[in-house]
Amino acid sequence: MVEKIVDRVENTYWKFELSEFQFWVVGFSKFTGEWQTTELGQNNILINYTYTLHGGQPILYPLQWLFAKLIWRPYMKRVLKNIRLLISNQVPFKYTDKPD
């Protein structure tokens, strides 16, 4: 699949897209995600994360709903748990457009 950054305001907002899947993903054409951060105080940041799964074949909507509820939602909860762990361990984070 291809992952691309659609929009980014450093340390405030990121919008990304996953597309061009090399495997069948229950008829989804792409996934989009958005992170918006709001500083609430010193060492206190609110992260609002939303994601959208894009499908275009109505016959697959029941399967897509199941995928979103049974696979994608638990996966994203694990992602957020891992991010909390990185934050609590004060792991430095560096964004780059190019792989190392």
Protein backbone atom coordinates (compact mmCIF):
# COMPACT_ATOMS: atom_id res chain seq x y z
CA MET A 1 0.00 0.00 0.00
CA VAL A 2 1.00 3.61 -0.34
CA GLU A 3 0.98 5.94 2.65
CA LYS A 4 1.10 9.65 2.01
CA ILE A 5 0.81 12.78 4.11
CA VAL A 6 -2.06 14.85 2.70
CA ASP A 7 -1.68 17.86 5.00
CA ARG A 8 0.56 18.72 7.92
CA VAL A 9 0.94 21.62 10.31
CA GLU A 10 3.92 20.71 12.47
CA ASN A 11 2.98 19.69 16.03
CA THR A 12 -0.67 20.60 15.42
CA TYR A 13 -2.33 18.66 12.61
CA TRP A 14 -1.61 15.71 10.31
CA LYS A 15 -3.82 14.15 7.68
CA PHE A 16 -2.63 10.98 6.00
CA GLU A 17 -3.98 8.48 3.51
CA LEU A 18 -3.40 4.78 2.91
CA SER A 19 -4.28 3.62 -0.62
CA GLU A 20 -3.23 1.43 -3.55
CA PHE A 21 -3.56 -1.74 -1.50
CA GLN A 22 -1.65 -4.76 -2.78
CA PHE A 23 -4.18 -7.06 -1.15
CA TRP A 24 -7.96 -7.17 -0.99
CA VAL A 25 -9.22 -5.14 1.98
CA VAL A 26 -12.95 -5.94 1.95
CA GLY A 27 -13.52 -3.53 -0.95
CA PHE A 28 -12.05 -0.43 0.71
CA SER A 29 -10.41 1.99 -1.71
CA LYS A 30 -8.48 3.96 0.91
CA PHE A 31 -8.22 4.82 4.59
CA THR A 32 -7.71 8.39 5.80
CA GLY A 33 -6.69 9.49 9.25
CA GLU A 34 -6.36 12.84 10.97
CA TRP A 35 -4.48 13.81 14.14
CA GLN A 36 -5.19 17.15 15.75
CA THR A 37 -3.33 18.17 18.88
CA THR A 38 -4.31 20.83 21.39
CA GLU A 39 -2.01 21.87 24.20
CA LEU A 40 -4.06 21.96 27.39
CA GLY A 41 -1.19 22.98 29.65
CA GLN A 42 2.42 22.16 30.40
CA ASN A 43 3.03 18.47 29.57
CA ASN A 44 -0.69 18.03 28.84
CA ILE A 45 -1.76 17.58 25.21
CA LEU A 46 -5.10 16.43 23.87
CA ILE A 47 -4.89 14.31 20.71
CA ASN A 48 -8.06 14.01 18.65
CA TYR A 49 -7.67 11.15 16.19
CA THR A 50 -10.29 10.32 13.58
CA TYR A 51 -10.17 7.85 10.75
CA THR A 52 -12.35 7.16 7.75
CA LEU A 53 -12.55 3.93 5.77
CA HIS A 54 -13.61 4.59 2.18
CA GLY A 55 -15.63 1.96 0.33
CA GLY A 56 -17.60 2.25 -2.87
CA GLN A 57 -19.43 -1.04 -3.33
CA PRO A 58 -22.73 -1.07 -1.42
CA ILE A 59 -22.96 -4.86 -1.54
CA LEU A 60 -19.82 -5.01 0.62
CA TYR A 61 -21.05 -2.52 3.26
CA PRO A 62 -22.01 -5.26 5.79
CA LEU A 63 -18.52 -6.82 5.51
CA GLN A 64 -16.90 -3.40 5.71
CA TRP A 65 -18.90 -2.58 8.84
CA LEU A 66 -17.74 -5.85 10.44
CA PHE A 67 -14.14 -5.16 9.43
CA ALA A 68 -14.31 -1.66 10.95
CA LYS A 69 -15.84 -2.88 14.22
CA LEU A 70 -13.99 -6.18 14.70
CA ILE A 71 -10.57 -5.52 13.18
CA TRP A 72 -9.85 -1.82 12.57
CA ARG A 73 -11.26 -0.41 15.82
CA PRO A 74 -9.30 -2.83 18.09
CA TYR A 75 -6.19 -2.25 15.97
CA MET A 76 -6.45 1.52 16.42
CA LYS A 77 -6.98 1.10 20.17
CA ARG A 78 -3.67 -0.83 20.29
CA VAL A 79 -2.00 1.96 18.29
CA LEU A 80 -3.17 4.57 20.80
CA LYS A 81 -2.06 2.36 23.70
CA ASN A 82 1.41 2.12 22.13
CA ILE A 83 1.54 5.90 21.65
CA ARG A 84 0.65 6.41 25.32
CA LEU A 85 3.48 4.02 26.24
CA LEU A 86 5.97 5.93 24.06
CA ILE A 87 4.89 9.19 25.67
CA SER A 88 5.09 7.87 29.22
CA ASN A 89 8.60 6.52 28.49
CA GLN A 90 9.55 9.88 26.93
CA VAL A 91 10.69 8.25 23.70
CA PRO A 92 11.80 11.00 21.28
CA PHE A 93 9.79 11.22 18.08
CA LYS A 94 11.11 12.53 14.81
CA TYR A 95 9.08 12.91 11.62
CA THR A 96 10.84 12.76 8.29
CA ASP A 97 9.61 12.66 4.71
CA LYS A 98 12.42 10.28 3.77
CA PRO A 99 13.18 6.87 5.26
CA ASP A 100 16.53 6.45 7.05
